[in-house]
N, C-alpha and C. Protein backbone atom coordinates (compact mmCIF):
# COMPACT_ATOMS: atom_id res chain seq x y z
N MET A 1 109.47 114.08 116.64
CA MET A 1 108.92 113.01 115.82
C MET A 1 107.67 113.55 115.11
N SER A 2 107.59 113.35 113.82
CA SER A 2 106.42 113.78 113.07
C SER A 2 105.44 112.62 112.95
N ALA A 3 104.22 112.92 112.53
CA ALA A 3 103.21 111.87 112.35
C ALA A 3 103.61 110.87 111.28
N LEU A 4 104.53 111.26 110.41
CA LEU A 4 104.96 110.36 109.34
C LEU A 4 106.17 109.52 109.72
N SER A 5 106.71 109.73 110.89
CA SER A 5 107.88 108.96 111.31
C SER A 5 107.64 108.36 112.69
N LEU A 6 106.66 107.49 112.78
CA LEU A 6 106.34 106.83 114.04
C LEU A 6 107.38 105.76 114.34
N PRO A 7 107.66 105.53 115.63
CA PRO A 7 108.60 104.47 115.96
C PRO A 7 107.97 103.11 115.67
N GLU A 8 108.81 102.11 115.47
CA GLU A 8 108.32 100.76 115.22
C GLU A 8 107.61 100.25 116.47
N ARG A 9 106.48 99.63 116.28
CA ARG A 9 105.68 99.11 117.39
C ARG A 9 106.28 97.80 117.88
N PRO A 10 106.56 97.69 119.19
CA PRO A 10 107.10 96.44 119.71
C PRO A 10 106.00 95.40 119.92
N GLY A 11 106.38 94.15 119.96
CA GLY A 11 105.44 93.08 120.29
C GLY A 11 104.66 92.56 119.11
N PRO A 12 103.80 91.58 119.39
CA PRO A 12 103.02 90.96 118.32
C PRO A 12 101.91 91.89 117.82
N GLU A 13 101.46 91.64 116.60
CA GLU A 13 100.34 92.40 116.05
C GLU A 13 99.07 92.03 116.80
N PRO A 14 98.14 92.98 116.95
CA PRO A 14 96.88 92.65 117.62
C PRO A 14 96.01 91.75 116.74
N LEU A 15 95.14 91.01 117.38
CA LEU A 15 94.16 90.18 116.67
C LEU A 15 93.07 91.10 116.14
N THR A 16 92.71 90.93 114.87
CA THR A 16 91.70 91.80 114.26
C THR A 16 90.64 90.99 113.54
N ARG A 17 89.52 91.65 113.26
CA ARG A 17 88.48 91.08 112.41
C ARG A 17 88.32 92.02 111.23
N GLY A 18 87.77 91.52 110.18
CA GLY A 18 87.59 92.39 109.04
C GLY A 18 87.59 91.59 107.76
N PRO A 19 87.71 92.18 106.64
CA PRO A 19 88.32 93.47 106.40
C PRO A 19 87.39 94.66 106.63
N ILE A 20 86.09 94.53 106.31
CA ILE A 20 85.20 95.67 106.50
C ILE A 20 83.98 95.21 107.26
N PRO A 21 83.65 95.75 108.39
CA PRO A 21 84.44 96.76 109.08
C PRO A 21 85.61 96.12 109.80
N HIS A 22 86.71 96.80 109.81
CA HIS A 22 87.91 96.32 110.48
C HIS A 22 87.77 96.60 111.97
N GLY A 23 88.20 95.68 112.79
CA GLY A 23 88.13 95.89 114.23
C GLY A 23 89.27 95.20 114.93
N GLN A 24 89.75 95.81 115.98
CA GLN A 24 90.82 95.22 116.79
C GLN A 24 90.18 94.49 117.95
N LEU A 25 90.57 93.23 118.18
CA LEU A 25 89.93 92.36 119.15
C LEU A 25 90.68 92.23 120.47
N ASP A 26 91.96 92.53 120.47
CA ASP A 26 92.73 92.44 121.71
C ASP A 26 93.70 93.61 121.77
N GLN A 27 94.48 93.67 122.82
CA GLN A 27 95.45 94.74 123.04
C GLN A 27 94.77 96.11 123.04
N THR A 28 93.61 96.18 123.64
CA THR A 28 92.88 97.45 123.70
C THR A 28 93.34 98.29 124.89
N ALA A 29 93.16 99.57 124.77
CA ALA A 29 93.54 100.49 125.84
C ALA A 29 92.62 100.31 127.04
N PRO A 30 93.10 100.65 128.24
CA PRO A 30 92.23 100.60 129.42
C PRO A 30 91.00 101.50 129.22
N THR A 31 89.89 101.12 129.83
CA THR A 31 88.63 101.84 129.65
C THR A 31 88.77 103.33 129.95
N HIS A 32 89.49 103.70 130.99
CA HIS A 32 89.59 105.13 131.33
C HIS A 32 90.29 105.92 130.23
N LEU A 33 91.24 105.31 129.55
CA LEU A 33 91.90 106.00 128.43
C LEU A 33 90.98 106.08 127.21
N GLN A 34 90.21 105.03 126.97
CA GLN A 34 89.24 105.06 125.87
C GLN A 34 88.23 106.17 126.09
N GLU A 35 87.74 106.31 127.32
CA GLU A 35 86.75 107.34 127.63
C GLU A 35 87.36 108.74 127.55
N GLU A 36 88.60 108.89 127.94
CA GLU A 36 89.28 110.18 127.82
C GLU A 36 89.39 110.58 126.35
N LEU A 37 89.80 109.65 125.51
CA LEU A 37 89.90 109.93 124.08
C LEU A 37 88.53 110.24 123.50
N TRP A 38 87.51 109.47 123.88
CA TRP A 38 86.15 109.71 123.39
C TRP A 38 85.69 111.13 123.75
N GLY A 39 85.93 111.53 124.98
CA GLY A 39 85.55 112.88 125.40
C GLY A 39 86.28 113.96 124.63
N ARG A 40 87.55 113.75 124.37
CA ARG A 40 88.32 114.73 123.61
C ARG A 40 87.82 114.82 122.17
N MET A 41 87.53 113.67 121.57
CA MET A 41 87.02 113.69 120.19
C MET A 41 85.68 114.42 120.12
N ARG A 42 84.79 114.15 121.07
CA ARG A 42 83.46 114.77 121.07
C ARG A 42 83.53 116.28 121.26
N SER A 43 84.59 116.76 121.90
CA SER A 43 84.68 118.19 122.19
C SER A 43 85.31 119.00 121.06
N LEU A 44 85.78 118.35 120.01
CA LEU A 44 86.40 119.07 118.90
C LEU A 44 85.35 119.84 118.10
N PRO A 45 85.71 121.03 117.61
CA PRO A 45 84.76 121.81 116.81
C PRO A 45 84.33 121.03 115.56
N GLY A 46 83.04 121.04 115.29
CA GLY A 46 82.53 120.39 114.09
C GLY A 46 82.33 118.90 114.22
N VAL A 47 82.62 118.34 115.38
CA VAL A 47 82.48 116.90 115.59
C VAL A 47 81.21 116.65 116.40
N TYR A 48 80.43 115.66 115.97
CA TYR A 48 79.22 115.31 116.72
C TYR A 48 79.07 113.80 116.77
N VAL A 49 78.36 113.33 117.78
CA VAL A 49 78.09 111.90 117.96
C VAL A 49 76.81 111.56 117.21
N ALA A 50 76.83 110.48 116.47
CA ALA A 50 75.66 110.01 115.73
C ALA A 50 75.76 108.50 115.61
N PRO A 51 74.67 107.85 115.20
CA PRO A 51 74.72 106.39 115.07
C PRO A 51 75.82 105.94 114.12
N THR A 52 76.33 104.76 114.42
CA THR A 52 77.34 104.16 113.56
C THR A 52 76.66 103.17 112.61
N HIS A 53 77.29 102.90 111.51
CA HIS A 53 76.77 101.91 110.57
C HIS A 53 77.48 100.57 110.75
N VAL A 54 78.30 100.47 111.79
CA VAL A 54 79.04 99.24 112.08
C VAL A 54 78.16 98.35 112.95
N PRO A 55 77.96 97.10 112.58
CA PRO A 55 77.03 96.23 113.29
C PRO A 55 77.60 95.55 114.53
N TYR A 56 78.34 96.27 115.33
CA TYR A 56 78.89 95.70 116.56
C TYR A 56 78.38 96.52 117.73
N PRO A 57 77.91 95.86 118.78
CA PRO A 57 77.31 96.60 119.90
C PRO A 57 78.28 97.55 120.60
N GLU A 58 79.57 97.28 120.54
CA GLU A 58 80.55 98.13 121.22
C GLU A 58 80.97 99.33 120.38
N ALA A 59 80.49 99.41 119.15
CA ALA A 59 80.91 100.47 118.23
C ALA A 59 80.25 101.80 118.58
N ARG A 60 81.03 102.87 118.50
CA ARG A 60 80.54 104.23 118.68
C ARG A 60 81.07 105.05 117.52
N ALA A 61 80.40 106.14 117.21
CA ALA A 61 80.83 106.93 116.06
C ALA A 61 80.79 108.42 116.35
N VAL A 62 81.82 109.09 115.88
CA VAL A 62 81.82 110.55 115.81
C VAL A 62 81.85 110.89 114.33
N HIS A 63 81.19 111.98 113.99
CA HIS A 63 81.09 112.41 112.59
C HIS A 63 81.58 113.84 112.50
N LEU A 64 82.04 114.21 111.33
CA LEU A 64 82.48 115.57 111.07
C LEU A 64 81.38 116.31 110.31
N ALA A 65 80.99 117.47 110.83
CA ALA A 65 79.97 118.28 110.17
C ALA A 65 80.44 118.61 108.75
N PRO A 66 79.54 118.56 107.78
CA PRO A 66 79.92 118.78 106.38
C PRO A 66 80.69 120.08 106.14
N GLU A 67 80.34 121.13 106.84
CA GLU A 67 81.02 122.41 106.61
C GLU A 67 82.49 122.40 107.05
N PHE A 68 82.90 121.38 107.79
CA PHE A 68 84.29 121.26 108.21
C PHE A 68 85.10 120.38 107.27
N GLY A 69 84.44 119.68 106.38
CA GLY A 69 85.13 118.79 105.45
C GLY A 69 85.84 119.56 104.34
N THR A 70 86.98 119.05 103.91
CA THR A 70 87.72 119.69 102.83
C THR A 70 87.98 118.75 101.67
N GLY A 71 87.40 117.57 101.72
CA GLY A 71 87.61 116.60 100.66
C GLY A 71 86.61 116.76 99.53
N PRO A 72 86.56 115.78 98.65
CA PRO A 72 85.62 115.83 97.52
C PRO A 72 84.18 115.93 98.02
N ARG A 73 83.34 116.61 97.29
CA ARG A 73 81.94 116.81 97.67
C ARG A 73 81.04 115.67 97.24
N THR A 74 81.52 114.80 96.38
CA THR A 74 80.71 113.67 95.93
C THR A 74 81.44 112.37 96.20
N ARG A 75 80.67 111.32 96.35
CA ARG A 75 81.26 109.99 96.54
C ARG A 75 81.51 109.38 95.18
N SER A 76 82.59 108.62 95.08
CA SER A 76 82.87 107.95 93.80
C SER A 76 82.71 106.47 93.93
């Protein structure tokens, strides 16, 4: 299975808030899985933890160091 051919998700859609910032309010993963994913993201090369601009107390952010980015250099 490729990233572009994901299986259809069973069950109802999760409750969300948004549109910006978008957030999922239910059907969240167990805490131990969230922490495992957080640890893996933090350990990736060029990734660092920094403050988030999302005004929710539960929000956390990882950022990509500029030298690892391959997109446009300016914002439009």
